[in-house]
Protein backbone atom coordinates (compact mmCIF):
# COMPACT_ATOMS: atom_id res chain seq x y z
CA MET A 1 6.68 -10.49 10.02
CA HIS A 2 5.59 -8.04 7.38
CA ASN A 3 6.44 -8.29 3.71
CA VAL A 4 7.93 -5.75 1.30
CA GLY A 5 4.54 -4.61 -0.01
CA GLU A 6 3.32 -3.96 3.51
CA GLU A 7 6.49 -2.05 4.35
CA ILE A 8 6.05 0.15 1.28
CA ALA A 9 2.50 0.97 2.37
CA GLY A 10 3.56 1.58 5.98
CA GLU A 11 6.49 3.81 5.10
CA TYR A 12 4.31 5.78 2.72
CA LEU A 13 1.85 6.35 5.58
CA ARG A 14 4.69 7.35 7.90
CA THR A 15 6.47 9.72 5.50
CA GLN A 16 3.66 11.05 3.30
CA ARG A 17 0.53 10.86 5.47
CA ASN A 18 2.20 11.90 8.75
CA CYS A 19 1.36 8.72 10.66
CA GLU A 20 3.13 8.69 13.99
CA PHE A 21 2.21 5.05 14.51
CA VAL A 22 2.33 2.26 11.94
CA GLU A 23 1.55 -1.35 12.80
CA TYR A 24 1.96 -4.35 10.51
CA ASN A 25 -0.19 -7.50 10.56
CA LEU A 26 -2.35 -6.27 13.41
CA TYR A 27 -4.32 -9.17 14.81
CA THR A 28 -7.87 -8.11 15.54
CA PRO A 29 -9.18 -9.34 18.88
CA ASP A 30 -12.83 -9.64 17.84
CA VAL A 31 -12.59 -11.51 14.56
CA GLN A 32 -10.17 -13.98 13.08
CA GLY A 33 -7.57 -12.44 10.86
CA GLU A 34 -5.31 -9.46 10.69
CA ILE A 35 -5.09 -6.04 9.14
CA ASP A 36 -2.06 -5.80 6.86
CA VAL A 37 -1.12 -2.21 7.77
CA VAL A 38 -2.65 0.29 10.18
CA GLY A 39 -1.40 3.86 10.31
CA ILE A 40 -2.49 6.43 12.86
CA SER A 41 -2.08 10.15 12.38
CA LEU A 42 -2.75 11.82 15.70
CA ALA A 43 -2.35 15.29 14.18
CA ASP A 44 -4.96 14.61 11.49
CA HIS A 45 -7.09 12.40 13.75
CA THR A 46 -7.11 9.75 11.00
CA VAL A 47 -6.64 6.00 11.02
CA TYR A 48 -5.57 4.31 7.79
CA LEU A 49 -6.50 0.66 7.24
CA CYS A 50 -4.65 -1.02 4.41
CA GLU A 51 -5.02 -4.33 2.67
CA VAL A 52 -1.94 -5.14 0.61
CA ALA A 53 -1.86 -7.60 -2.28
CA VAL A 54 1.40 -7.85 -4.19
CA HIS A 55 0.73 -10.52 -6.82
CA LEU A 56 3.13 -9.63 -9.59
CA THR A 57 2.21 -12.21 -12.22
CA THR A 58 -1.50 -12.65 -11.52
CA GLY A 59 -2.38 -9.12 -10.43
CA LEU A 60 -5.16 -8.76 -7.88
CA ARG A 61 -6.41 -12.31 -7.99
CA TYR A 62 -7.68 -14.52 -5.20
CA VAL A 63 -9.08 -17.97 -5.94
CA ASP A 64 -11.46 -20.01 -3.78
CA GLN A 65 -9.55 -23.21 -2.96
CA LYS A 66 -12.68 -25.38 -3.08
CA THR A 67 -14.36 -24.08 -6.24
CA LYS A 68 -11.21 -22.82 -8.00
CA GLN A 69 -13.24 -19.75 -8.99
CA SER A 70 -12.11 -16.16 -8.63
CA CYS A 71 -13.22 -14.63 -5.34
CA SER A 72 -11.18 -11.42 -5.28
CA ALA A 73 -14.05 -8.96 -4.77
CA ARG A 74 -15.76 -11.08 -2.10
CA LYS A 75 -12.52 -11.76 -0.19
CA LEU A 76 -11.36 -8.13 -0.24
CA ILE A 77 -14.79 -6.83 0.78
CA GLN A 78 -14.73 -9.24 3.75
CA LYS A 79 -11.21 -8.16 4.75
CA LEU A 80 -11.93 -4.44 4.42
CA GLU A 81 -15.27 -4.80 6.28
CA LYS A 82 -13.36 -6.43 9.15
CA ASP A 83 -10.80 -3.63 9.06
CA LEU A 84 -13.51 -0.99 9.13
CA ALA A 85 -15.36 -2.70 12.01
CA TYR A 86 -12.12 -2.68 14.01
CA ALA A 87 -11.60 1.04 13.35
CA GLN A 88 -15.21 1.88 14.18
CA LYS A 89 -14.93 0.05 17.50
CA TYR A 90 -11.47 1.19 18.64
CA PHE A 91 -11.08 4.49 16.77
CA SER A 92 -14.65 5.76 16.66
CA GLU A 93 -13.57 9.41 17.03
CA TYR A 94 -11.16 9.18 14.09
CA LYS A 95 -11.64 9.58 10.36
CA HIS A 96 -11.35 6.14 8.72
CA VAL A 97 -9.47 5.75 5.44
CA LEU A 98 -9.63 2.37 3.72
CA MET A 99 -6.80 1.67 1.29
CA LEU A 100 -6.12 -1.15 -1.13
CA TRP A 101 -2.46 -1.44 -2.17
CA SER A 102 -1.81 -3.60 -5.22
CA PRO A 103 0.83 -2.64 -7.79
CA ILE A 104 -0.63 -4.61 -10.67
CA ILE A 105 -4.27 -4.78 -11.75
CA LYS A 106 -4.55 -6.94 -14.86
CA GLN A 107 -6.60 -5.48 -17.67
CA SER A 108 -9.18 -7.88 -19.08
CA LYS A 109 -11.82 -7.85 -21.76
CA ALA A 110 -15.17 -6.69 -20.42
CA ALA A 111 -16.73 -10.16 -20.78
CA SER A 112 -13.88 -12.04 -19.06
CA LYS A 113 -14.84 -14.25 -16.11
CA GLN A 114 -11.90 -12.98 -14.09
CA ASN A 115 -12.02 -9.24 -14.55
CA GLN A 116 -9.91 -7.41 -11.98
CA THR A 117 -11.17 -3.99 -13.07
CA LYS A 118 -14.75 -5.11 -12.41
CA ASP A 119 -13.65 -6.55 -9.04
CA ILE A 120 -12.19 -3.18 -8.06
CA GLN A 121 -15.36 -1.39 -9.15
CA GLU A 122 -17.48 -3.85 -7.14
CA ILE A 123 -15.36 -3.29 -4.02
CA GLN A 124 -15.50 0.49 -4.42
CA SER A 125 -19.26 0.45 -5.00
CA HIS A 126 -19.82 -1.71 -1.93
CA PHE A 127 -18.05 0.68 0.44
CA LEU A 128 -19.56 3.77 -1.13
CA GLU A 129 -23.11 2.36 -0.88
CA ALA A 130 -22.77 0.58 2.47
CA HIS A 131 -20.66 3.14 4.37
CA ASN A 132 -20.33 6.25 2.21
CA ILE A 133 -16.57 5.62 2.16
CA LYS A 134 -14.47 6.06 -0.95
CA LEU A 135 -11.92 3.24 -1.00
CA GLU A 136 -8.52 4.71 -1.77
CA LEU A 137 -6.85 2.66 -4.47
CA ILE A 138 -3.07 2.54 -4.58
CA THR A 139 -2.75 0.57 -7.79
CA ASP A 140 -0.90 0.71 -11.10
CA GLN A 141 0.24 4.30 -11.81
CA VAL A 142 -0.75 5.59 -8.36
CA TYR A 143 1.38 2.84 -6.79
CA GLN A 144 4.28 3.94 -8.99
CA GLU A 145 3.77 7.55 -7.90
CA CYS A 146 3.93 6.47 -4.24
CA LEU A 147 7.24 4.70 -4.94
CA VAL A 148 8.57 7.87 -6.58
CA LYS A 149 7.62 9.88 -3.48
CA LEU A 150 9.35 7.35 -1.21
CA ARG A 151 12.44 7.47 -3.43
CA ALA A 152 12.49 11.29 -3.29
CA TYR A 153 12.09 11.22 0.49
CA ALA A 154 14.98 8.74 0.83
CA ALA A 155 17.19 10.76 -1.54
CA ASN A 156 16.80 13.86 0.61
CA GLU A 157 17.68 12.16 3.89
CA SER A 158 21.28 11.79 4.98
CA LYS A 159 20.63 10.08 8.31
CA GLU A 160 20.39 6.30 8.31
CA LEU A 161 16.78 5.32 7.74
CA LYS A 162 15.42 2.45 9.83
CA SER A 163 13.15 0.98 7.17
CA THR A 164 14.97 -1.50 4.94
CA ILE A 165 12.96 -0.29 1.93
CA LEU A 166 13.78 3.35 2.56
CA ARG A 167 17.41 2.53 3.36
CA TYR A 168 17.70 0.62 0.08
CA LEU A 169 16.25 3.57 -1.86
CA GLN A 170 18.52 5.94 0.07
CA ILE A 171 21.61 3.93 -0.84
CA GLU A 172 20.60 3.81 -4.50
CA GLU A 173 19.97 7.53 -4.68
CA HIS A 174 23.12 8.57 -2.83
CA LEU A 175 25.22 6.12 -4.86
CA ALA A 176 23.81 7.56 -8.10
CA LYS A 177 24.76 11.09 -6.98
CA HIS A 178 28.23 9.89 -5.99
CA LEU A 179 28.84 8.10 -9.28
CA LYS A 180 27.70 11.15 -11.21
CA ARG A 181 30.22 13.32 -9.31
CA ILE A 182 32.98 10.78 -9.99
CA ALA A 183 32.15 10.72 -13.70
CA VAL A 184 32.28 14.52 -13.89
CA THR A 185 35.59 14.59 -12.00
CA ASP A 186 37.09 11.86 -14.21
CA GLU A 187 35.92 13.64 -17.36
CA SER A 188 37.42 16.98 -16.28
CA GLU A 189 40.75 15.30 -15.43
CA HIS A 190 40.96 13.74 -18.91
CA ASN A 191 40.34 17.07 -20.68
């Protein structure tokens, strides 16, 4: 079962990146683990591979259970390497887009032991140097912008949307329009 963060990423791929196919928690046959979200755009001949980390209070933070030390960069590099290997094997003819979805990246002082900004830079540098791939970051403000695009998409649809996230946004947007009309009608009746 996928979580809310994964559904946000998947619905963004479906509605904004024209992915005809979106799969959640795809178990990879060759290595242990799963890919959080995979989107395939047949028209663009692109496969999107997304790791999703929605840690609201700690930001993008993974901790090694044995050493209790931060291991965010190492863990995410391992996950994204696995994702990329899967795409290279099964979608070799496609363009590969690696994405990291995390709404909150905590800002730290440069000398901090657990520096999420440095972790992100390390992950980006790794994929640029090792594979000439620019990791697409959907974090902080960019994450917010993706939510705004999903909200706008939902607001413009009148048919029932299958995604619970999009349906929720659709209800909110249509209710807001309805309440605004009621308020205008009530105000004109009282004048």
